Amino acid sequence: MYPIERYLRRLKSYVKNKARPEGSIAEGYIAQECLHFYSRCLHGVETRLNRPGRNYEGDLDKLEISKLKIFSQVGKPLLRKKYVELSLVECMQARIYVLQNCDEVSPFIK
């Protein structure tokens, strides 16, 4: 039942003239269908149908990925961009952690 309720909410949002709600719903539905149809004909224009997804990260083949396995992960932040400056001690601890847990560096440690 939930998808039907969501669809009815969308139809109710089309109502502008409360004296004649069925006419407003019909006009809104026809306008939505026309926009949907015309958006299929537009090439080179970003529409609701052809826009990239929210989590689309681009073509991964074009990115320069590090040869080290630990730095080869590609991603973007989930929340707003927030930069934190590490102290000298935290920076050294992070560097040691990366070097001790990277498989490519273990032959040099031995």
PDB file of N, CA and C in Angstrom:
ATOM      1  N   MET A   1       0.815  -1.194   0.000  1.00  0.00           N
ATOM      2  CA  MET A   1       0.000   0.000   0.000  1.00  0.00           C
ATOM      3  C   MET A   1       0.861   1.262   0.000  1.00  0.00           C
ATOM      4  N   TYR A   2       2.066   1.187   0.522  1.00  0.00           N
ATOM      5  CA  TYR A   2       2.901   2.382   0.639  1.00  0.00           C
ATOM      6  C   TYR A   2       3.214   3.041  -0.707  1.00  0.00           C
ATOM      7  N   PRO A   3       3.568   2.310  -1.772  1.00  0.00           N
ATOM      8  CA  PRO A   3       3.801   2.994  -3.056  1.00  0.00           C
ATOM      9  C   PRO A   3       2.570   3.726  -3.577  1.00  0.00           C
ATOM     10  N   ILE A   4       1.393   3.168  -3.329  1.00  0.00           N
ATOM     11  CA  ILE A   4       0.166   3.829  -3.771  1.00  0.00           C
ATOM     12  C   ILE A   4      -0.028   5.136  -3.011  1.00  0.00           C
ATOM     13  N   GLU A   5       0.242   5.109  -1.717  1.00  0.00           N
ATOM     14  CA  GLU A   5       0.106   6.323  -0.917  1.00  0.00           C
ATOM     15  C   GLU A   5       1.092   7.395  -1.368  1.00  0.00           C
ATOM     16  N   ARG A   6       2.305   6.993  -1.715  1.00  0.00           N
ATOM     17  CA  ARG A   6       3.283   7.968  -2.216  1.00  0.00           C
ATOM     18  C   ARG A   6       2.822   8.566  -3.531  1.00  0.00           C
ATOM     19  N   TYR A   7       2.268   7.728  -4.408  1.00  0.00           N
ATOM     20  CA  TYR A   7       1.787   8.219  -5.693  1.00  0.00           C
ATOM     21  C   TYR A   7       0.612   9.172  -5.501  1.00  0.00           C
ATOM     22  N   LEU A   8      -0.294   8.859  -4.586  1.00  0.00           N
ATOM     23  CA  LEU A   8      -1.423   9.755  -4.315  1.00  0.00           C
ATOM     24  C   LEU A   8      -0.932  11.080  -3.741  1.00  0.00           C
ATOM     25  N   ARG A   9       0.127  11.043  -2.945  1.00  0.00           N
ATOM     26  CA  ARG A   9       0.687  12.296  -2.421  1.00  0.00           C
ATOM     27  C   ARG A   9       1.215  13.160  -3.559  1.00  0.00           C
ATOM     28  N   ARG A  10       1.853  12.523  -4.549  1.00  0.00           N
ATOM     29  CA  ARG A  10       2.343  13.282  -5.703  1.00  0.00           C
ATOM     30  C   ARG A  10       1.176  13.895  -6.469  1.00  0.00           C
ATOM     31  N   LEU A  11       0.122  13.125  -6.657  1.00  0.00           N
ATOM     32  CA  LEU A  11      -1.047  13.653  -7.362  1.00  0.00           C
ATOM     33  C   LEU A  11      -1.684  14.795  -6.590  1.00  0.00           C
ATOM     34  N   LYS A  12      -1.747  14.668  -5.266  1.00  0.00           N
ATOM     35  CA  LYS A  12      -2.317  15.742  -4.457  1.00  0.00           C
ATOM     36  C   LYS A  12      -1.475  17.005  -4.518  1.00  0.00           C
ATOM     37  N   SER A  13      -0.175  16.862  -4.770  1.00  0.00           N
ATOM     38  CA  SER A  13       0.679  18.050  -4.855  1.00  0.00           C
ATOM     39  C   SER A  13       0.404  18.863  -6.114  1.00  0.00           C
ATOM     40  N   TYR A  14      -0.237  18.246  -7.107  1.00  0.00           N
ATOM     41  CA  TYR A  14      -0.569  18.963  -8.333  1.00  0.00           C
ATOM     42  C   TYR A  14      -1.741  19.928  -8.139  1.00  0.00           C
ATOM     43  N   VAL A  15      -2.499  19.777  -7.071  1.00  0.00           N
ATOM     44  CA  VAL A  15      -3.710  20.565  -6.864  1.00  0.00           C
ATOM     45  C   VAL A  15      -3.335  22.010  -6.572  1.00  0.00           C
ATOM     46  N   LYS A  16      -3.774  22.917  -7.441  1.00  0.00           N
ATOM     47  CA  LYS A  16      -3.579  24.353  -7.235  1.00  0.00           C
ATOM     48  C   LYS A  16      -4.916  25.036  -6.984  1.00  0.00           C
ATOM     49  N   ASN A  17      -5.941  24.558  -7.663  1.00  0.00           N
ATOM     50  CA  ASN A  17      -7.282  25.120  -7.501  1.00  0.00           C
ATOM     51  C   ASN A  17      -8.076  24.157  -6.618  1.00  0.00           C
ATOM     52  N   LYS A  18      -8.275  24.529  -5.360  1.00  0.00           N
ATOM     53  CA  LYS A  18      -8.946  23.626  -4.423  1.00  0.00           C
ATOM     54  C   LYS A  18     -10.441  23.496  -4.706  1.00  0.00           C
ATOM     55  N   ALA A  19     -10.970  24.372  -5.527  1.00  0.00           N
ATOM     56  CA  ALA A  19     -12.381  24.255  -5.891  1.00  0.00           C
ATOM     57  C   ALA A  19     -12.578  23.124  -6.903  1.00  0.00           C
ATOM     58  N   ARG A  20     -11.587  22.872  -7.726  1.00  0.00           N
ATOM     59  CA  ARG A  20     -11.665  21.816  -8.733  1.00  0.00           C
ATOM     60  C   ARG A  20     -10.384  20.962  -8.679  1.00  0.00           C
ATOM     61  N   PRO A  21     -10.252  20.123  -7.674  1.00  0.00           N
ATOM     62  CA  PRO A  21      -9.001  19.368  -7.522  1.00  0.00           C
ATOM     63  C   PRO A  21      -8.761  18.343  -8.622  1.00  0.00           C
ATOM     64  N   GLU A  22      -9.834  17.719  -9.131  1.00  0.00           N
ATOM     65  CA  GLU A  22      -9.634  16.691 -10.159  1.00  0.00           C
ATOM     66  C   GLU A  22      -9.090  17.282 -11.451  1.00  0.00           C
ATOM     67  N   GLY A  23      -9.522  18.500 -11.802  1.00  0.00           N
ATOM     68  CA  GLY A  23      -8.990  19.161 -12.995  1.00  0.00           C
ATOM     69  C   GLY A  23      -7.527  19.533 -12.816  1.00  0.00           C
ATOM     70  N   SER A  24      -7.171  19.991 -11.624  1.00  0.00           N
ATOM     71  CA  SER A  24      -5.773  20.343 -11.360  1.00  0.00           C
ATOM     72  C   SER A  24      -4.882  19.106 -11.403  1.00  0.00           C
ATOM     73  N   ILE A  25      -5.388  17.989 -10.860  1.00  0.00           N
ATOM     74  CA  ILE A  25      -4.609  16.744 -10.888  1.00  0.00           C
ATOM     75  C   ILE A  25      -4.419  16.287 -12.321  1.00  0.00           C
ATOM     76  N   ALA A  26      -5.449  16.364 -13.138  1.00  0.00           N
ATOM     77  CA  ALA A  26      -5.339  15.940 -14.534  1.00  0.00           C
ATOM     78  C   ALA A  26      -4.340  16.818 -15.285  1.00  0.00           C
ATOM     79  N   GLU A  27      -4.405  18.144 -15.083  1.00  0.00           N
ATOM     80  CA  GLU A  27      -3.460  19.040 -15.753  1.00  0.00           C
ATOM     81  C   GLU A  27      -2.021  18.774 -15.302  1.00  0.00           C
ATOM     82  N   GLY A  28      -1.830  18.572 -14.000  1.00  0.00           N
ATOM     83  CA  GLY A  28      -0.487  18.298 -13.485  1.00  0.00           C
ATOM     84  C   GLY A  28       0.063  16.988 -14.008  1.00  0.00           C
ATOM     85  N   TYR A  29      -0.798  15.967 -14.091  1.00  0.00           N
ATOM     86  CA  TYR A  29      -0.371  14.665 -14.605  1.00  0.00           C
ATOM     87  C   TYR A  29       0.015  14.769 -16.075  1.00  0.00           C
ATOM     88  N   ILE A  30      -0.780  15.478 -16.866  1.00  0.00           N
ATOM     89  CA  ILE A  30      -0.472  15.644 -18.296  1.00  0.00           C
ATOM     90  C   ILE A  30       0.829  16.429 -18.469  1.00  0.00           C
ATOM     91  N   ALA A  31       1.011  17.473 -17.666  1.00  0.00           N
ATOM     92  CA  ALA A  31       2.256  18.248 -17.756  1.00  0.00           C
ATOM     93  C   ALA A  31       3.467  17.382 -17.407  1.00  0.00           C
ATOM     94  N   GLN A  32       3.334  16.547 -16.377  1.00  0.00           N
ATOM     95  CA  GLN A  32       4.439  15.652 -15.992  1.00  0.00           C
ATOM     96  C   GLN A  32       4.742  14.647 -17.099  1.00  0.00           C
ATOM     97  N   GLU A  33       3.716  14.097 -17.713  1.00  0.00           N
ATOM     98  CA  GLU A  33       3.915  13.144 -18.806  1.00  0.00           C
ATOM     99  C   GLU A  33       4.575  13.816 -20.009  1.00  0.00           C
ATOM    100  N   CYS A  34       4.174  15.048 -20.322  1.00  0.00           N
ATOM    101  CA  CYS A  34       4.793  15.773 -21.443  1.00  0.00           C
ATOM    102  C   CYS A  34       6.276  16.032 -21.178  1.00  0.00           C
ATOM    103  N   LEU A  35       6.587  16.478 -19.982  1.00  0.00           N
ATOM    104  CA  LEU A  35       7.994  16.715 -19.641  1.00  0.00           C
ATOM    105  C   LEU A  35       8.802  15.427 -19.701  1.00  0.00           C
ATOM    106  N   HIS A  36       8.209  14.341 -19.251  1.00  0.00           N
ATOM    107  CA  HIS A  36       8.888  13.040 -19.306  1.00  0.00           C
ATOM    108  C   HIS A  36       9.152  12.636 -20.758  1.00  0.00           C
ATOM    109  N   PHE A  37       8.170  12.833 -21.617  1.00  0.00           N
ATOM    110  CA  PHE A  37       8.314  12.476 -23.025  1.00  0.00           C
ATOM    111  C   PHE A  37       9.372  13.337 -23.713  1.00  0.00           C
ATOM    112  N   TYR A  38       9.322  14.659 -23.480  1.00  0.00           N
ATOM    113  CA  TYR A  38      10.270  15.563 -24.141  1.00  0.00           C
ATOM    114  C   TYR A  38      11.689  15.390 -23.614  1.00  0.00           C
ATOM    115  N   SER A  39      11.822  14.997 -22.363  1.00  0.00           N
ATOM    116  CA  SER A  39      13.170  14.813 -21.822  1.00  0.00           C
ATOM    117  C   SER A  39      13.874  13.641 -22.484  1.00  0.00           C
ATOM    118  N   ARG A  40      13.115  12.694 -23.018  1.00  0.00           N
ATOM    119  CA  ARG A  40      13.743  11.586 -23.750  1.00  0.00           C
ATOM    120  C   ARG A  40      14.301  12.054 -25.100  1.00  0.00           C
ATOM    121  N   CYS A  41      13.750  13.125 -25.638  1.00  0.00           N
ATOM    122  CA  CYS A  41      14.188  13.625 -26.939  1.00  0.00           C
ATOM    123  C   CYS A  41      15.373  14.582 -26.843  1.00  0.00           C
ATOM    124  N   LEU A  42      15.645  15.111 -25.664  1.00  0.00           N
ATOM    125  CA  LEU A  42      16.746  16.058 -25.496  1.00  0.00           C
ATOM    126  C   LEU A  42      18.061  15.311 -25.350  1.00  0.00           C
ATOM    127  N   HIS A  43      18.996  15.612 -26.231  1.00  0.00           N
ATOM    128  CA  HIS A  43      20.310  14.983 -26.166  1.00  0.00           C
ATOM    129  C   HIS A  43      21.328  16.044 -25.755  1.00  0.00           C
ATOM    130  N   GLY A  44      22.212  15.688 -24.847  1.00  0.00           N
ATOM    131  CA  GLY A  44      23.227  16.624 -24.396  1.00  0.00           C
ATOM    132  C   GLY A  44      22.752  17.555 -23.290  1.00  0.00           C
ATOM    133  N   VAL A  45      21.552  17.334 -22.792  1.00  0.00           N
ATOM    134  CA  VAL A  45      20.999  18.154 -21.724  1.00  0.00           C
ATOM    135  C   VAL A  45      20.725  17.236 -20.536  1.00  0.00           C
ATOM    136  N   GLU A  46      21.133  17.662 -19.354  1.00  0.00           N
ATOM    137  CA  GLU A  46      20.904  16.836 -18.174  1.00  0.00           C
ATOM    138  C   GLU A  46      19.445  16.948 -17.743  1.00  0.00           C
ATOM    139  N   THR A  47      18.767  15.822 -17.697  1.00  0.00           N
ATOM    140  CA  THR A  47      17.375  15.777 -17.273  1.00  0.00           C
ATOM    141  C   THR A  47      17.251  14.810 -16.103  1.00  0.00           C
ATOM    142  N   ARG A  48      16.042  14.653 -15.627  1.00  0.00           N
ATOM    143  CA  ARG A  48      15.789  13.752 -14.516  1.00  0.00           C
ATOM    144  C   ARG A  48      16.098  12.306 -14.889  1.00  0.00           C
ATOM    145  N   LEU A  49      15.962  11.971 -16.166  1.00  0.00           N
ATOM    146  CA  LEU A  49      16.160  10.595 -16.604  1.00  0.00           C
ATOM    147  C   LEU A  49      17.619  10.233 -16.844  1.00  0.00           C
ATOM    148  N   ASN A  50      18.452  11.195 -17.248  1.00  0.00           N
ATOM    149  CA  ASN A  50      19.820  10.833 -17.621  1.00  0.00           C
ATOM    150  C   ASN A  50      20.888  11.446 -16.720  1.00  0.00           C
ATOM    151  N   ARG A  51      20.520  12.051 -15.618  1.00  0.00           N
ATOM    152  CA  ARG A  51      21.536  12.623 -14.734  1.00  0.00           C
ATOM    153  C   ARG A  51      22.232  11.508 -13.956  1.00  0.00           C
ATOM    154  N   PRO A  52      23.482  11.724 -13.592  1.00  0.00           N
ATOM    155  CA  PRO A  52      24.189  10.680 -12.839  1.00  0.00           C
ATOM    156  C   PRO A  52      23.613  10.534 -11.442  1.00  0.00           C
ATOM    157  N   GLY A  53      23.820   9.375 -10.870  1.00  0.00           N
ATOM    158  CA  GLY A  53      23.309   9.102  -9.540  1.00  0.00           C
ATOM    159  C   GLY A  53      23.999   9.932  -8.471  1.00  0.00           C
ATOM    160  N   ARG A  54      23.437   9.917  -7.278  1.00  0.00           N
ATOM    161  CA  ARG A  54      23.987  10.710  -6.179  1.00  0.00           C
ATOM    162  C   ARG A  54      25.400  10.278  -5.815  1.00  0.00           C
ATOM    163  N   ASN A  55      25.672   9.004  -5.891  1.00  0.00           N
ATOM    164  CA  ASN A  55      26.959   8.480  -5.458  1.00  0.00           C
ATOM    165  C   ASN A  55      27.882   8.151  -6.624  1.00  0.00           C
ATOM    166  N   TYR A  56      27.609   8.676  -7.787  1.00  0.00           N
ATOM    167  CA  TYR A  56      28.445   8.420  -8.952  1.00  0.00           C
ATOM    168  C   TYR A  56      29.776   9.137  -8.783  1.00  0.00           C
ATOM    169  N   GLU A  57      30.865   8.413  -8.942  1.00  0.00           N
ATOM    170  CA  GLU A  57      32.190   8.974  -8.695  1.00  0.00           C
ATOM    171  C   GLU A  57      32.974   9.224  -9.974  1.00  0.00           C
ATOM    172  N   GLY A  58      32.346   9.156 -11.107  1.00  0.00           N
ATOM    173  CA  GLY A  58      33.034   9.420 -12.362  1.00  0.00           C
ATOM    174  C   GLY A  58      33.676   8.158 -12.920  1.00  0.00           C
ATOM    175  N   ASP A  59      34.361   8.316 -14.032  1.00  0.00           N
ATOM    176  CA  ASP A  59      35.038   7.185 -14.649  1.00  0.00           C
ATOM    177  C   ASP A  59      36.295   6.860 -13.855  1.00  0.00           C
ATOM    178  N   LEU A  60      36.338   5.680 -13.289  1.00  0.00           N
ATOM    179  CA  LEU A  60      37.482   5.287 -12.468  1.00  0.00           C
ATOM    180  C   LEU A  60      38.700   4.972 -13.331  1.00  0.00           C
ATOM    181  N   ASP A  61      38.477   4.686 -14.621  1.00  0.00           N
ATOM    182  CA  ASP A  61      39.596   4.365 -15.501  1.00  0.00           C
ATOM    183  C   ASP A  61      40.448   5.592 -15.802  1.00  0.00           C
ATOM    184  N   LYS A  62      39.852   6.773 -15.778  1.00  0.00           N
ATOM    185  CA  LYS A  62      40.576   7.991 -16.140  1.00  0.00           C
ATOM    186  C   LYS A  62      41.391   8.556 -14.983  1.00  0.00           C
ATOM    187  N   LEU A  63      41.100   8.104 -13.763  1.00  0.00           N
ATOM    188  CA  LEU A  63      41.805   8.630 -12.603  1.00  0.00           C
ATOM    189  C   LEU A  63      43.188   8.007 -12.487  1.00  0.00           C
ATOM    190  N   GLU A  64      44.112   8.801 -11.992  1.00  0.00           N
ATOM    191  CA  GLU A  64      45.430   8.274 -11.710  1.00  0.00           C
ATOM    192  C   GLU A  64      45.394   7.626 -10.341  1.00  0.00           C
ATOM    193  N   ILE A  65      45.491   6.331 -10.321  1.00  0.00           N
ATOM    194  CA  ILE A  65      45.435   5.597  -9.066  1.00  0.00           C
ATOM    195  C   ILE A  65      46.856   5.216  -8.678  1.00  0.00           C
ATOM    196  N   SER A  66      47.146   5.345  -7.401  1.00  0.00           N
ATOM    197  CA  SER A  66      48.480   5.053  -6.889  1.00  0.00           C
ATOM    198  C   SER A  66      48.824   3.585  -7.105  1.00  0.00           C
ATOM    199  N   LYS A  67      50.088   3.298  -7.241  1.00  0.00           N
ATOM    200  CA  LYS A  67      50.531   1.920  -7.410  1.00  0.00           C
ATOM    201  C   LYS A  67      50.502   1.164  -6.091  1.00  0.00           C
ATOM    202  N   LEU A  68      50.502   1.882  -4.983  1.00  0.00           N
ATOM    203  CA  LEU A  68      50.386   1.232  -3.690  1.00  0.00           C
ATOM    204  C   LEU A  68      48.929   0.872  -3.434  1.00  0.00           C
ATOM    205  N   LYS A  69      48.717  -0.329  -2.956  1.00  0.00           N
ATOM    206  CA  LYS A  69      47.367  -0.826  -2.753  1.00  0.00           C
ATOM    207  C   LYS A  69      46.597   0.020  -1.732  1.00  0.00           C
ATOM    208  N   ILE A  70      47.276   0.486  -0.719  1.00  0.00           N
ATOM    209  CA  ILE A  70      46.610   1.212   0.355  1.00  0.00           C
ATOM    210  C   ILE A  70      46.073   2.572  -0.105  1.00  0.00           C
ATOM    211  N   PHE A  71      46.669   3.157  -1.152  1.00  0.00           N
ATOM    212  CA  PHE A  71      46.228   4.456  -1.646  1.00  0.00           C
ATOM    213  C   PHE A  71      45.410   4.353  -2.924  1.00  0.00           C
ATOM    214  N   SER A  72      45.032   3.157  -3.328  1.00  0.00           N
ATOM    215  CA  SER A  72      44.329   2.985  -4.597  1.00  0.00           C
ATOM    216  C   SER A  72      42.816   3.114  -4.464  1.00  0.00           C
ATOM    217  N   GLN A  73      42.300   3.254  -3.274  1.00  0.00           N
ATOM    218  CA  GLN A  73      40.858   3.398  -3.095  1.00  0.00           C
ATOM    219  C   GLN A  73      40.413   4.796  -3.507  1.00  0.00           C
ATOM    220  N   VAL A  74      39.333   4.849  -4.280  1.00  0.00           N
ATOM    221  CA  VAL A  74      38.799   6.122  -4.742  1.00  0.00           C
ATOM    222  C   VAL A  74      37.464   6.344  -4.046  1.00  0.00           C
ATOM    223  N   GLY A  75      37.210   7.548  -3.617  1.00  0.00           N
ATOM    224  CA  GLY A  75      35.946   7.844  -2.962  1.00  0.00           C
ATOM    225  C   GLY A  75      35.800   9.329  -2.725  1.00  0.00           C
ATOM    226  N   LYS A  76      34.684   9.690  -2.168  1.00  0.00           N
ATOM    227  CA  LYS A  76      34.449  11.083  -1.825  1.00  0.00           C
ATOM    228  C   LYS A  76      33.805  11.120  -0.447  1.00  0.00           C
ATOM    229  N   PRO A  77      33.893  12.254   0.241  1.00  0.00           N
ATOM    230  CA  PRO A  77      33.368  12.314   1.602  1.00  0.00           C
ATOM    231  C   PRO A  77      31.852  12.154   1.629  1.00  0.00           C
ATOM    232  N   LEU A  78      31.347  11.565   2.704  1.00  0.00           N
ATOM    233  CA  LEU A  78      29.910  11.387   2.848  1.00  0.00           C
ATOM    234  C   LEU A  78      29.225  12.667   3.292  1.00  0.00           C
ATOM    235  N   LEU A  79      29.885  13.420   4.142  1.00  0.00           N
ATOM    236  CA  LEU A  79      29.299  14.655   4.644  1.00  0.00           C
ATOM    237  C   LEU A  79      30.016  15.835   4.015  1.00  0.00           C
ATOM    238  N   ARG A  80      29.843  16.993   4.600  1.00  0.00           N
ATOM    239  CA  ARG A  80      30.495  18.179   4.064  1.00  0.00           C
ATOM    240  C   ARG A  80      32.008  18.044   4.152  1.00  0.00           C
ATOM    241  N   LYS A  81      32.702  18.830   3.358  1.00  0.00           N
ATOM    242  CA  LYS A  81      34.154  18.788   3.367  1.00  0.00           C
ATOM    243  C   LYS A  81      34.655  19.409   4.659  1.00  0.00           C
ATOM    244  N   LYS A  82      35.371  18.631   5.414  1.00  0.00           N
ATOM    245  CA  LYS A  82      35.890  19.108   6.683  1.00  0.00           C
ATOM    246  C   LYS A  82      37.347  18.671   6.766  1.00  0.00           C
ATOM    247  N   TYR A  83      38.230  19.622   6.862  1.00  0.00           N
ATOM    248  CA  TYR A  83      39.642  19.332   6.913  1.00  0.00           C
ATOM    249  C   TYR A  83      40.152  19.545   8.334  1.00  0.00           C
ATOM    250  N   VAL A  84      40.931  18.600   8.785  1.00  0.00           N
ATOM    251  CA  VAL A  84      41.507  18.689  10.118  1.00  0.00           C
ATOM    252  C   VAL A  84      43.015  18.657   9.957  1.00  0.00           C
ATOM    253  N   GLU A  85      43.684  19.607  10.548  1.00  0.00           N
ATOM    254  CA  GLU A  85      45.136  19.641  10.478  1.00  0.00           C
ATOM    255  C   GLU A  85      45.697  18.803  11.619  1.00  0.00           C
ATOM    256  N   LEU A  86      46.532  17.846  11.267  1.00  0.00           N
ATOM    257  CA  LEU A  86      47.117  16.965  12.269  1.00  0.00           C
ATOM    258  C   LEU A  86      48.321  17.629  12.922  1.00  0.00           C
ATOM    259  N   SER A  87      48.499  17.302  14.183  1.00  0.00           N
ATOM    260  CA  SER A  87      49.708  17.776  14.856  1.00  0.00           C
ATOM    261  C   SER A  87      50.891  16.939  14.365  1.00  0.00           C
ATOM    262  N   LEU A  88      52.088  17.340  14.720  1.00  0.00           N
ATOM    263  CA  LEU A  88      53.286  16.631  14.274  1.00  0.00           C
ATOM    264  C   LEU A  88      53.299  15.208  14.805  1.00  0.00           C
ATOM    265  N   VAL A  89      52.883  15.009  16.049  1.00  0.00           N
ATOM    266  CA  VAL A  89      52.865  13.668  16.644  1.00  0.00           C
ATOM    267  C   VAL A  89      51.839  12.794  15.934  1.00  0.00           C
ATOM    268  N   GLU A  90      50.630  13.322  15.663  1.00  0.00           N
ATOM    269  CA  GLU A  90      49.601  12.555  14.962  1.00  0.00           C
ATOM    270  C   GLU A  90      50.028  12.212  13.545  1.00  0.00           C
ATOM    271  N   CYS A  91      50.724  13.112  12.896  1.00  0.00           N
ATOM    272  CA  CYS A  91      51.217  12.859  11.541  1.00  0.00           C
ATOM    273  C   CYS A  91      52.237  11.725  11.537  1.00  0.00           C
ATOM    274  N   MET A  92      53.132  11.724  12.501  1.00  0.00           N
ATOM    275  CA  MET A  92      54.131  10.653  12.598  1.00  0.00           C
ATOM    276  C   MET A  92      53.455   9.313  12.915  1.00  0.00           C
ATOM    277  N   GLN A  93      52.452   9.319  13.795  1.00  0.00           N
ATOM    278  CA  GLN A  93      51.732   8.092  14.123  1.00  0.00           C
ATOM    279  C   GLN A  93      50.994   7.551  12.900  1.00  0.00           C
ATOM    280  N   ALA A  94      50.383   8.421  12.120  1.00  0.00           N
ATOM    281  CA  ALA A  94      49.680   7.990  10.910  1.00  0.00           C
ATOM    282  C   ALA A  94      50.660   7.423   9.893  1.00  0.00           C
ATOM    283  N   ARG A  95      51.811   8.055   9.738  1.00  0.00           N
ATOM    284  CA  ARG A  95      52.823   7.579   8.796  1.00  0.00           C
ATOM    285  C   ARG A  95      53.324   6.193   9.205  1.00  0.00           C
ATOM    286  N   ILE A  96      53.603   5.995  10.490  1.00  0.00           N
ATOM    287  CA  ILE A  96      54.082   4.695  10.972  1.00  0.00           C
ATOM    288  C   ILE A  96      53.005   3.632  10.784  1.00  0.00           C
ATOM    289  N   TYR A  97      51.750   3.971  11.049  1.00  0.00           N
ATOM    290  CA  TYR A  97      50.653   3.020  10.873  1.00  0.00           C
ATOM    291  C   TYR A  97      50.552   2.573   9.415  1.00  0.00           C
ATOM    292  N   VAL A  98      50.621   3.524   8.496  1.00  0.00           N
ATOM    293  CA  VAL A  98      50.525   3.188   7.076  1.00  0.00           C
ATOM    294  C   VAL A  98      51.692   2.314   6.653  1.00  0.00           C
ATOM    295  N   LEU A  99      52.892   2.660   7.080  1.00  0.00           N
ATOM    296  CA  LEU A  99      54.062   1.883   6.680  1.00  0.00           C
ATOM    297  C   LEU A  99      54.049   0.478   7.266  1.00  0.00           C
ATOM    298  N   GLN A 100      53.543   0.312   8.464  1.00  0.00           N
ATOM    299  CA  GLN A 100      53.518  -1.013   9.070  1.00  0.00           C
ATOM    300  C   GLN A 100      52.409  -1.890   8.504  1.00  0.00           C
ATOM    301  N   ASN A 101      51.358  -1.307   7.957  1.00  0.00           N
ATOM    302  CA  ASN A 101      50.218  -2.086   7.473  1.00  0.00           C
ATOM    303  C   ASN A 101      50.120  -2.152   5.957  1.00  0.00           C
ATOM    304  N   CYS A 102      51.101  -1.668   5.248  1.00  0.00           N
ATOM    305  CA  CYS A 102      51.098  -1.723   3.785  1.00  0.00           C
ATOM    306  C   CYS A 102      51.914  -2.924   3.335  1.00  0.00           C
ATOM    307  N   ASP A 103      51.286  -3.812   2.542  1.00  0.00           N
ATOM    308  CA  ASP A 103      51.958  -5.037   2.089  1.00  0.00           C
ATOM    309  C   ASP A 103      53.150  -4.759   1.191  1.00  0.00           C
ATOM    310  N   GLU A 104      53.099  -3.675   0.425  1.00  0.00           N
ATOM    311  CA  GLU A 104      54.184  -3.371  -0.490  1.00  0.00           C
ATOM    312  C   GLU A 104      55.447  -2.911   0.240  1.00  0.00           C
ATOM    313  N   VAL A 105      55.321  -2.441   1.463  1.00  0.00           N
ATOM    314  CA  VAL A 105      56.465  -1.922   2.212  1.00  0.00           C
ATOM    315  C   VAL A 105      57.118  -3.016   3.056  1.00  0.00           C
ATOM    316  N   SER A 106      56.409  -4.111   3.330  1.00  0.00           N
ATOM    317  CA  SER A 106      56.956  -5.150   4.221  1.00  0.00           C
ATOM    318  C   SER A 106      58.286  -5.736   3.759  1.00  0.00           C
ATOM    319  N   PRO A 107      58.571  -5.903   2.436  1.00  0.00           N
ATOM    320  CA  PRO A 107      59.897  -6.400   2.067  1.00  0.00           C
ATOM    321  C   PRO A 107      61.023  -5.438   2.462  1.00  0.00           C
ATOM    322  N   PHE A 108      60.737  -4.139   2.475  1.00  0.00           N
ATOM    323  CA  PHE A 108      61.769  -3.166   2.842  1.00  0.00           C
ATOM    324  C   PHE A 108      61.995  -3.141   4.357  1.00  0.00           C
ATOM    325  N   ILE A 109      60.953  -3.447   5.120  1.00  0.00           N
ATOM    326  CA  ILE A 109      61.102  -3.466   6.567  1.00  0.00           C
ATOM    327  C   ILE A 109      61.989  -4.645   6.980  1.00  0.00           C
ATOM    328  N   LYS A 110      61.840  -5.789   6.305  1.00  0.00           N
ATOM    329  CA  LYS A 110      62.636  -6.991   6.617  1.00  0.00           C
ATOM    330  C   LYS A 110      64.078  -6.754   6.234  1.00  0.00           C
TER     331      LYS A 110
END
